[in-house]
Structures are given as C-alpha cells and as structure tokens.
Full PDB file with SEQRES, HELIX, SHEET, SSBOND, CRYST1, ORIGX, SCALE, CONECT and MASTER records, all heavy atoms in Angstrom:
SEQRES   1 A   36  LEU ASN ARG GLY GLY PRO GLY GLU VAL CYS HIS ALA VAL          
SEQRES   2 A   36  PRO GLY GLY GLN SER CYS THR ASP GLU TYR MET PRO VAL          
SEQRES   3 A   36  PRO PHE LEU VAL ALA GLY ALA LEU VAL LEU                      
HELIX    1 AA1 VAL A   26  VAL A   35  1                                  10    
SHEET    1 AA1 2 GLY A   7  VAL A  13  0                                        
SHEET    2 AA1 2 GLY A  16  GLU A  22 -1                                        
SSBOND   1 CYS A   10    CYS A   19                          1555   1555  2.09  
CRYST1    1.000    1.000    1.000  90.00  90.00  90.00 P 1           1          
ORIGX1      1.000000  0.000000  0.000000        0.00000                         
ORIGX2      0.000000  1.000000  0.000000        0.00000                         
ORIGX3      0.000000  0.000000  1.000000        0.00000                         
SCALE1      1.000000  0.000000  0.000000        0.00000                         
SCALE2      0.000000  1.000000  0.000000        0.00000                         
SCALE3      0.000000  0.000000  1.000000        0.00000                         
ATOM      1  N   LEU A   1     220.848-166.733 107.004  1.00  0.00           N  
ATOM      2  CA  LEU A   1     219.972-167.886 106.757  1.00  0.00           C  
ATOM      3  C   LEU A   1     220.481-169.106 107.406  1.00  0.00           C  
ATOM      4  O   LEU A   1     219.679-169.991 107.805  1.00  0.00           O  
ATOM      5  CB  LEU A   1     219.898-168.103 105.247  1.00  0.00           C  
ATOM      6  CG  LEU A   1     219.095-167.078 104.402  1.00  0.00           C  
ATOM      7  CD1 LEU A   1     219.275-167.557 102.965  1.00  0.00           C  
ATOM      8  CD2 LEU A   1     217.642-167.048 104.868  1.00  0.00           C  
ATOM      9  N   ASN A   2     221.735-169.179 107.724  1.00  0.00           N  
ATOM     10  CA  ASN A   2     222.315-170.362 108.391  1.00  0.00           C  
ATOM     11  C   ASN A   2     222.533-170.157 109.758  1.00  0.00           C  
ATOM     12  O   ASN A   2     223.344-170.846 110.480  1.00  0.00           O  
ATOM     13  CB  ASN A   2     223.625-170.813 107.628  1.00  0.00           C  
ATOM     14  CG  ASN A   2     223.289-171.373 106.309  1.00  0.00           C  
ATOM     15  OD1 ASN A   2     222.731-172.532 106.165  1.00  0.00           O  
ATOM     16  ND2 ASN A   2     223.519-170.646 105.241  1.00  0.00           N  
ATOM     17  N   ARG A   3     221.958-169.120 110.445  1.00  0.00           N  
ATOM     18  CA  ARG A   3     222.222-168.724 111.833  1.00  0.00           C  
ATOM     19  C   ARG A   3     222.020-169.867 112.824  1.00  0.00           C  
ATOM     20  O   ARG A   3     222.471-169.858 113.917  1.00  0.00           O  
ATOM     21  CB  ARG A   3     221.584-167.435 112.127  1.00  0.00           C  
ATOM     22  CG  ARG A   3     220.033-167.629 112.231  1.00  0.00           C  
ATOM     23  CD  ARG A   3     219.371-166.274 112.343  1.00  0.00           C  
ATOM     24  NE  ARG A   3     217.866-166.374 112.388  1.00  0.00           N  
ATOM     25  CZ  ARG A   3     217.088-166.471 111.308  1.00  0.00           C  
ATOM     26  NH1 ARG A   3     217.623-166.523 110.153  1.00  0.00           N  
ATOM     27  NH2 ARG A   3     215.804-166.629 111.436  1.00  0.00           N  
ATOM     28  N   GLY A   4     221.150-170.774 112.525  1.00  0.00           N  
ATOM     29  CA  GLY A   4     220.810-171.894 113.455  1.00  0.00           C  
ATOM     30  C   GLY A   4     221.727-173.070 113.291  1.00  0.00           C  
ATOM     31  O   GLY A   4     221.676-173.965 114.151  1.00  0.00           O  
ATOM     32  N   GLY A   5     222.579-173.088 112.300  1.00  0.00           N  
ATOM     33  CA  GLY A   5     223.457-174.216 111.998  1.00  0.00           C  
ATOM     34  C   GLY A   5     224.755-174.176 112.858  1.00  0.00           C  
ATOM     35  O   GLY A   5     224.882-173.350 113.724  1.00  0.00           O  
ATOM     36  N   PRO A   6     225.584-175.182 112.757  1.00  0.00           N  
ATOM     37  CA  PRO A   6     225.499-176.252 111.698  1.00  0.00           C  
ATOM     38  C   PRO A   6     224.633-177.412 112.184  1.00  0.00           C  
ATOM     39  O   PRO A   6     224.361-177.573 113.307  1.00  0.00           O  
ATOM     40  CB  PRO A   6     226.948-176.761 111.584  1.00  0.00           C  
ATOM     41  CG  PRO A   6     227.560-176.401 112.925  1.00  0.00           C  
ATOM     42  CD  PRO A   6     226.824-175.251 113.479  1.00  0.00           C  
ATOM     43  N   GLY A   7     224.148-178.146 111.149  1.00  0.00           N  
ATOM     44  CA  GLY A   7     223.361-179.328 111.387  1.00  0.00           C  
ATOM     45  C   GLY A   7     221.938-179.134 111.007  1.00  0.00           C  
ATOM     46  O   GLY A   7     221.510-178.225 110.263  1.00  0.00           O  
ATOM     47  N   GLU A   8     221.070-180.177 111.425  1.00  0.00           N  
ATOM     48  CA  GLU A   8     219.692-180.030 111.104  1.00  0.00           C  
ATOM     49  C   GLU A   8     218.874-179.146 112.070  1.00  0.00           C  
ATOM     50  O   GLU A   8     219.013-179.303 113.282  1.00  0.00           O  
ATOM     51  CB  GLU A   8     219.113-181.483 111.189  1.00  0.00           C  
ATOM     52  CG  GLU A   8     217.681-181.562 110.618  1.00  0.00           C  
ATOM     53  CD  GLU A   8     217.177-183.017 110.567  1.00  0.00           C  
ATOM     54  OE1 GLU A   8     217.684-183.777 111.380  1.00  0.00           O  
ATOM     55  OE2 GLU A   8     216.343-183.311 109.632  1.00  0.00           O  
ATOM     56  N   VAL A   9     218.142-178.260 111.556  1.00  0.00           N  
ATOM     57  CA  VAL A   9     217.333-177.254 112.344  1.00  0.00           C  
ATOM     58  C   VAL A   9     215.839-177.500 111.974  1.00  0.00           C  
ATOM     59  O   VAL A   9     215.450-177.431 110.799  1.00  0.00           O  
ATOM     60  CB  VAL A   9     217.835-175.816 112.025  1.00  0.00           C  
ATOM     61  CG1 VAL A   9     216.909-174.877 112.819  1.00  0.00           C  
ATOM     62  CG2 VAL A   9     219.302-175.689 112.332  1.00  0.00           C  
ATOM     63  N   CYS A  10     215.089-177.667 113.018  1.00  0.00           N  
ATOM     64  CA  CYS A  10     213.591-177.873 112.881  1.00  0.00           C  
ATOM     65  C   CYS A  10     212.840-176.754 113.448  1.00  0.00           C  
ATOM     66  O   CYS A  10     213.195-176.130 114.431  1.00  0.00           O  
ATOM     67  CB  CYS A  10     213.190-179.246 113.549  1.00  0.00           C  
ATOM     68  SG  CYS A  10     214.064-180.633 112.885  1.00  0.00           S  
ATOM     69  N   HIS A  11     211.680-176.438 112.663  1.00  0.00           N  
ATOM     70  CA  HIS A  11     210.846-175.303 113.053  1.00  0.00           C  
ATOM     71  C   HIS A  11     209.456-175.909 112.990  1.00  0.00           C  
ATOM     72  O   HIS A  11     209.074-176.642 112.254  1.00  0.00           O  
ATOM     73  CB  HIS A  11     210.985-174.167 112.182  1.00  0.00           C  
ATOM     74  CG  HIS A  11     212.257-173.529 112.132  1.00  0.00           C  
ATOM     75  ND1 HIS A  11     212.770-172.658 112.999  1.00  0.00           N  
ATOM     76  CD2 HIS A  11     213.236-173.624 111.157  1.00  0.00           C  
ATOM     77  CE1 HIS A  11     213.920-172.227 112.729  1.00  0.00           C  
ATOM     78  NE2 HIS A  11     214.277-172.860 111.439  1.00  0.00           N  
ATOM     79  N   ALA A  12     208.583-175.444 114.033  1.00  0.00           N  
ATOM     80  CA  ALA A  12     207.151-175.827 114.069  1.00  0.00           C  
ATOM     81  C   ALA A  12     206.494-175.209 112.896  1.00  0.00           C  
ATOM     82  O   ALA A  12     206.593-173.895 112.771  1.00  0.00           O  
ATOM     83  CB  ALA A  12     206.520-175.557 115.379  1.00  0.00           C  
ATOM     84  N   VAL A  13     205.628-175.882 112.157  1.00  0.00           N  
ATOM     85  CA  VAL A  13     204.712-175.379 111.185  1.00  0.00           C  
ATOM     86  C   VAL A  13     203.343-175.921 111.421  1.00  0.00           C  
ATOM     87  O   VAL A  13     203.225-176.962 112.128  1.00  0.00           O  
ATOM     88  CB  VAL A  13     205.278-175.666 109.710  1.00  0.00           C  
ATOM     89  CG1 VAL A  13     206.582-175.010 109.472  1.00  0.00           C  
ATOM     90  CG2 VAL A  13     205.324-177.135 109.551  1.00  0.00           C  
ATOM     91  N   PRO A  14     202.364-175.277 110.923  1.00  0.00           N  
ATOM     92  CA  PRO A  14     201.010-175.833 111.102  1.00  0.00           C  
ATOM     93  C   PRO A  14     200.932-177.296 110.553  1.00  0.00           C  
ATOM     94  O   PRO A  14     201.303-177.589 109.458  1.00  0.00           O  
ATOM     95  CB  PRO A  14     200.060-174.944 110.305  1.00  0.00           C  
ATOM     96  CG  PRO A  14     200.785-173.612 110.183  1.00  0.00           C  
ATOM     97  CD  PRO A  14     202.255-174.063 110.147  1.00  0.00           C  
ATOM     98  N   GLY A  15     200.570-178.153 111.378  1.00  0.00           N  
ATOM     99  CA  GLY A  15     200.511-179.625 111.063  1.00  0.00           C  
ATOM    100  C   GLY A  15     201.665-180.396 111.233  1.00  0.00           C  
ATOM    101  O   GLY A  15     201.810-181.552 110.663  1.00  0.00           O  
ATOM    102  N   GLY A  16     202.704-179.958 111.882  1.00  0.00           N  
ATOM    103  CA  GLY A  16     203.964-180.684 112.106  1.00  0.00           C  
ATOM    104  C   GLY A  16     205.167-179.747 112.283  1.00  0.00           C  
ATOM    105  O   GLY A  16     205.067-178.719 112.822  1.00  0.00           O  
ATOM    106  N   GLN A  17     206.253-180.269 111.608  1.00  0.00           N  
ATOM    107  CA  GLN A  17     207.516-179.504 111.810  1.00  0.00           C  
ATOM    108  C   GLN A  17     208.224-179.587 110.406  1.00  0.00           C  
ATOM    109  O   GLN A  17     208.017-180.535 109.625  1.00  0.00           O  
ATOM    110  CB  GLN A  17     208.371-179.942 112.877  1.00  0.00           C  
ATOM    111  CG  GLN A  17     208.865-181.401 112.815  1.00  0.00           C  
ATOM    112  CD  GLN A  17     209.842-181.718 113.962  1.00  0.00           C  
ATOM    113  OE1 GLN A  17     209.970-180.953 114.868  1.00  0.00           O  
ATOM    114  NE2 GLN A  17     210.343-182.918 113.909  1.00  0.00           N  
ATOM    115  N   SER A  18     209.052-178.639 110.225  1.00  0.00           N  
ATOM    116  CA  SER A  18     209.793-178.526 108.972  1.00  0.00           C  
ATOM    117  C   SER A  18     211.322-178.504 109.369  1.00  0.00           C  
ATOM    118  O   SER A  18     211.737-177.698 110.187  1.00  0.00           O  
ATOM    119  CB  SER A  18     209.455-177.307 108.176  1.00  0.00           C  
ATOM    120  OG  SER A  18     210.453-177.129 107.156  1.00  0.00           O  
ATOM    121  N   CYS A  19     212.124-179.403 108.827  1.00  0.00           N  
ATOM    122  CA  CYS A  19     213.490-179.558 109.160  1.00  0.00           C  
ATOM    123  C   CYS A  19     214.339-179.168 108.016  1.00  0.00           C  
ATOM    124  O   CYS A  19     214.025-179.580 106.866  1.00  0.00           O  
ATOM    125  CB  CYS A  19     213.878-180.868 109.666  1.00  0.00           C  
ATOM    126  SG  CYS A  19     213.000-181.351 111.237  1.00  0.00           S  
ATOM    127  N   THR A  20     215.435-178.452 108.116  1.00  0.00           N  
ATOM    128  CA  THR A  20     216.413-178.130 107.116  1.00  0.00           C  
ATOM    129  C   THR A  20     217.789-178.326 107.585  1.00  0.00           C  
ATOM    130  O   THR A  20     218.098-178.278 108.809  1.00  0.00           O  
ATOM    131  CB  THR A  20     216.293-176.719 106.639  1.00  0.00           C  
ATOM    132  OG1 THR A  20     216.504-175.778 107.685  1.00  0.00           O  
ATOM    133  CG2 THR A  20     214.913-176.401 105.970  1.00  0.00           C  
ATOM    134  N   ASP A  21     218.670-178.685 106.687  1.00  0.00           N  
ATOM    135  CA  ASP A  21     220.151-178.847 107.011  1.00  0.00           C  
ATOM    136  C   ASP A  21     220.785-177.441 106.722  1.00  0.00           C  
ATOM    137  O   ASP A  21     220.670-176.854 105.660  1.00  0.00           O  
ATOM    138  CB  ASP A  21     220.714-179.842 106.076  1.00  0.00           C  
ATOM    139  CG  ASP A  21     221.776-180.758 106.856  1.00  0.00           C  
ATOM    140  OD1 ASP A  21     221.781-180.696 108.104  1.00  0.00           O  
ATOM    141  OD2 ASP A  21     222.370-181.606 106.141  1.00  0.00           O  
ATOM    142  N   GLU A  22     221.426-176.981 107.821  1.00  0.00           N  
ATOM    143  CA  GLU A  22     222.042-175.636 107.750  1.00  0.00           C  
ATOM    144  C   GLU A  22     223.558-175.763 107.872  1.00  0.00           C  
ATOM    145  O   GLU A  22     224.033-176.729 108.545  1.00  0.00           O  
ATOM    146  CB  GLU A  22     221.524-174.575 108.705  1.00  0.00           C  
ATOM    147  CG  GLU A  22     220.033-174.301 108.517  1.00  0.00           C  
ATOM    148  CD  GLU A  22     219.467-173.276 109.419  1.00  0.00           C  
ATOM    149  OE1 GLU A  22     220.263-172.711 110.203  1.00  0.00           O  
ATOM    150  OE2 GLU A  22     218.310-172.967 109.321  1.00  0.00           O  
ATOM    151  N   TYR A  23     224.320-174.887 107.204  1.00  0.00           N  
ATOM    152  CA  TYR A  23     225.757-174.849 107.342  1.00  0.00           C  
ATOM    153  C   TYR A  23     226.111-173.952 108.526  1.00  0.00           C  
ATOM    154  O   TYR A  23     225.368-173.188 109.121  1.00  0.00           O  
ATOM    155  CB  TYR A  23     226.332-174.243 106.055  1.00  0.00           C  
ATOM    156  CG  TYR A  23     226.039-175.027 104.837  1.00  0.00           C  
ATOM    157  CD1 TYR A  23     225.137-174.588 103.907  1.00  0.00           C  
ATOM    158  CD2 TYR A  23     226.648-176.272 104.670  1.00  0.00           C  
ATOM    159  CE1 TYR A  23     224.835-175.295 102.818  1.00  0.00           C  
ATOM    160  CE2 TYR A  23     226.439-177.078 103.551  1.00  0.00           C  
ATOM    161  CZ  TYR A  23     225.523-176.703 102.660  1.00  0.00           C  
ATOM    162  OH  TYR A  23     225.274-177.390 101.454  1.00  0.00           O  
ATOM    163  N   MET A  24     227.403-173.948 108.903  1.00  0.00           N  
ATOM    164  CA  MET A  24     228.031-173.002 109.931  1.00  0.00           C  
ATOM    165  C   MET A  24     227.999-171.670 109.271  1.00  0.00           C  
ATOM    166  O   MET A  24     228.594-171.431 108.102  1.00  0.00           O  
ATOM    167  CB  MET A  24     229.354-173.492 110.303  1.00  0.00           C  
ATOM    168  CG  MET A  24     230.006-172.628 111.321  1.00  0.00           C  
ATOM    169  SD  MET A  24     231.705-173.251 111.767  1.00  0.00           S  
ATOM    170  CE  MET A  24     231.282-174.237 113.188  1.00  0.00           C  
ATOM    171  N   PRO A  25     227.410-170.710 110.016  1.00  0.00           N  
ATOM    172  CA  PRO A  25     227.396-169.396 109.444  1.00  0.00           C  
ATOM    173  C   PRO A  25     228.621-168.553 109.494  1.00  0.00           C  
ATOM    174  O   PRO A  25     228.901-167.505 108.751  1.00  0.00           O  
ATOM    175  CB  PRO A  25     226.298-168.650 110.306  1.00  0.00           C  
ATOM    176  CG  PRO A  25     226.354-169.353 111.520  1.00  0.00           C  
ATOM    177  CD  PRO A  25     226.728-170.772 111.237  1.00  0.00           C  
ATOM    178  N   VAL A  26     229.553-168.960 110.280  1.00  0.00           N  
ATOM    179  CA  VAL A  26     230.797-168.237 110.518  1.00  0.00           C  
ATOM    180  C   VAL A  26     231.646-168.006 109.257  1.00  0.00           C  
ATOM    181  O   VAL A  26     232.103-166.883 109.031  1.00  0.00           O  
ATOM    182  CB  VAL A  26     231.591-168.797 111.664  1.00  0.00           C  
ATOM    183  CG1 VAL A  26     232.946-168.067 111.792  1.00  0.00           C  
ATOM    184  CG2 VAL A  26     230.894-168.802 112.970  1.00  0.00           C  
ATOM    185  N   PRO A  27     231.905-169.046 108.451  1.00  0.00           N  
ATOM    186  CA  PRO A  27     232.633-168.794 107.163  1.00  0.00           C  
ATOM    187  C   PRO A  27     232.049-167.655 106.272  1.00  0.00           C  
ATOM    188  O   PRO A  27     232.715-166.913 105.670  1.00  0.00           O  
ATOM    189  CB  PRO A  27     232.653-170.173 106.475  1.00  0.00           C  
ATOM    190  CG  PRO A  27     232.474-171.106 107.641  1.00  0.00           C  
ATOM    191  CD  PRO A  27     231.529-170.471 108.578  1.00  0.00           C  
ATOM    192  N   PHE A  28     230.765-167.719 106.186  1.00  0.00           N  
ATOM    193  CA  PHE A  28     230.000-166.695 105.354  1.00  0.00           C  
ATOM    194  C   PHE A  28     230.214-165.408 105.893  1.00  0.00           C  
ATOM    195  O   PHE A  28     230.400-164.320 105.138  1.00  0.00           O  
ATOM    196  CB  PHE A  28     228.599-166.987 105.196  1.00  0.00           C  
ATOM    197  CG  PHE A  28     228.229-168.321 104.536  1.00  0.00           C  
ATOM    198  CD1 PHE A  28     227.660-169.396 105.201  1.00  0.00           C  
ATOM    199  CD2 PHE A  28     228.520-168.508 103.156  1.00  0.00           C  
ATOM    200  CE1 PHE A  28     227.442-170.596 104.561  1.00  0.00           C  
ATOM    201  CE2 PHE A  28     228.276-169.743 102.461  1.00  0.00           C  
ATOM    202  CZ  PHE A  28     227.679-170.799 103.221  1.00  0.00           C  
ATOM    203  N   LEU A  29     230.073-165.290 107.271  1.00  0.00           N  
ATOM    204  CA  LEU A  29     230.242-163.980 107.944  1.00  0.00           C  
ATOM    205  C   LEU A  29     231.662-163.377 107.755  1.00  0.00           C  
ATOM    206  O   LEU A  29     231.868-162.247 107.452  1.00  0.00           O  
ATOM    207  CB  LEU A  29     229.845-164.140 109.348  1.00  0.00           C  
ATOM    208  CG  LEU A  29     229.670-162.855 110.218  1.00  0.00           C  
ATOM    209  CD1 LEU A  29     228.676-161.896 109.663  1.00  0.00           C  
ATOM    210  CD2 LEU A  29     229.487-163.286 111.684  1.00  0.00           C  
ATOM    211  N   VAL A  30     232.678-164.267 108.013  1.00  0.00           N  
ATOM    212  CA  VAL A  30     234.009-163.835 107.958  1.00  0.00           C  
ATOM    213  C   VAL A  30     234.388-163.399 106.483  1.00  0.00           C  
ATOM    214  O   VAL A  30     234.991-162.433 106.245  1.00  0.00           O  
ATOM    215  CB  VAL A  30     234.962-164.884 108.374  1.00  0.00           C  
ATOM    216  CG1 VAL A  30     236.425-164.718 108.055  1.00  0.00           C  
ATOM    217  CG2 VAL A  30     234.775-165.175 109.946  1.00  0.00           C  
ATOM    218  N   ALA A  31     233.987-164.212 105.459  1.00  0.00           N  
ATOM    219  CA  ALA A  31     234.266-163.885 104.108  1.00  0.00           C  
ATOM    220  C   ALA A  31     233.608-162.615 103.650  1.00  0.00           C  
ATOM    221  O   ALA A  31     234.213-161.824 102.975  1.00  0.00           O  
ATOM    222  CB  ALA A  31     233.797-165.079 103.134  1.00  0.00           C  
ATOM    223  N   GLY A  32     232.385-162.458 104.106  1.00  0.00           N  
ATOM    224  CA  GLY A  32     231.609-161.105 103.785  1.00  0.00           C  
ATOM    225  C   GLY A  32     232.412-159.916 104.425  1.00  0.00           C  
ATOM    226  O   GLY A  32     232.528-158.940 103.806  1.00  0.00           O  
ATOM    227  N   ALA A  33     232.820-160.100 105.666  1.00  0.00           N  
ATOM    228  CA  ALA A  33     233.500-158.983 106.358  1.00  0.00           C  
ATOM    229  C   ALA A  33     234.832-158.606 105.628  1.00  0.00           C  
ATOM    230  O   ALA A  33     235.132-157.557 105.541  1.00  0.00           O  
ATOM    231  CB  ALA A  33     233.692-159.303 107.833  1.00  0.00           C  
ATOM    232  N   LEU A  34     235.506-159.690 105.296  1.00  0.00           N  
ATOM    233  CA  LEU A  34     236.864-159.516 104.627  1.00  0.00           C  
ATOM    234  C   LEU A  34     236.667-158.827 103.285  1.00  0.00           C  
ATOM    235  O   LEU A  34     237.363-157.840 102.889  1.00  0.00           O  
ATOM    236  CB  LEU A  34     237.546-160.828 104.394  1.00  0.00           C  
ATOM    237  CG  LEU A  34     238.188-161.417 105.697  1.00  0.00           C  
ATOM    238  CD1 LEU A  34     238.827-162.865 105.288  1.00  0.00           C  
ATOM    239  CD2 LEU A  34     239.231-160.497 106.270  1.00  0.00           C  
ATOM    240  N   VAL A  35     235.627-159.249 102.472  1.00  0.00           N  
ATOM    241  CA  VAL A  35     235.417-158.665 101.209  1.00  0.00           C  
ATOM    242  C   VAL A  35     234.999-157.222 101.332  1.00  0.00           C  
ATOM    243  O   VAL A  35     235.424-156.354 100.609  1.00  0.00           O  
ATOM    244  CB  VAL A  35     234.416-159.503 100.375  1.00  0.00           C  
ATOM    245  CG1 VAL A  35     233.960-158.827  99.195  1.00  0.00           C  
ATOM    246  CG2 VAL A  35     235.079-160.848  99.975  1.00  0.00           C  
ATOM    247  N   LEU A  36     234.131-156.930 102.273  1.00  0.00           N  
ATOM    248  CA  LEU A  36     233.502-155.557 102.498  1.00  0.00           C  
ATOM    249  C   LEU A  36     234.742-154.604 102.934  1.00  0.00           C  
ATOM    250  O   LEU A  36     234.841-153.501 102.345  1.00  0.00           O  
ATOM    251  CB  LEU A  36     232.423-155.544 103.478  1.00  0.00           C  
ATOM    252  CG  LEU A  36     231.875-154.269 103.878  1.00  0.00           C  
ATOM    253  CD1 LEU A  36     231.064-153.711 102.683  1.00  0.00           C  
ATOM    254  CD2 LEU A  36     230.897-154.392 105.070  1.00  0.00           C  
TER     255      LEU A  36                                                      
CONECT   68  126                                                                
CONECT  126   68                                                                
MASTER        0    0    0    1    2    0    0    6  254    1    2    3          
END                                                                             
C-alpha cells in the first residue's frame, strides 16, 4: 500500500486528483520478511 512513498503521492481521479501521505515501504517489507 505504501509502495509509492515516502511522502505525498497523488493519483488522477475523475474530476481532479487525490493525494495521500504514504510511509516508506521498506520497514514493513523487512519486518514482514524477518517474521516470516
């Protein structure tokens, strides 16, 4: 879900754009790999 981060990521939607703040995905990926 955070693959576009870190920072604000904007996507085109009908009638404008939608922006979300995303985290850096690497910590989630590393933690998941370690736990698995």
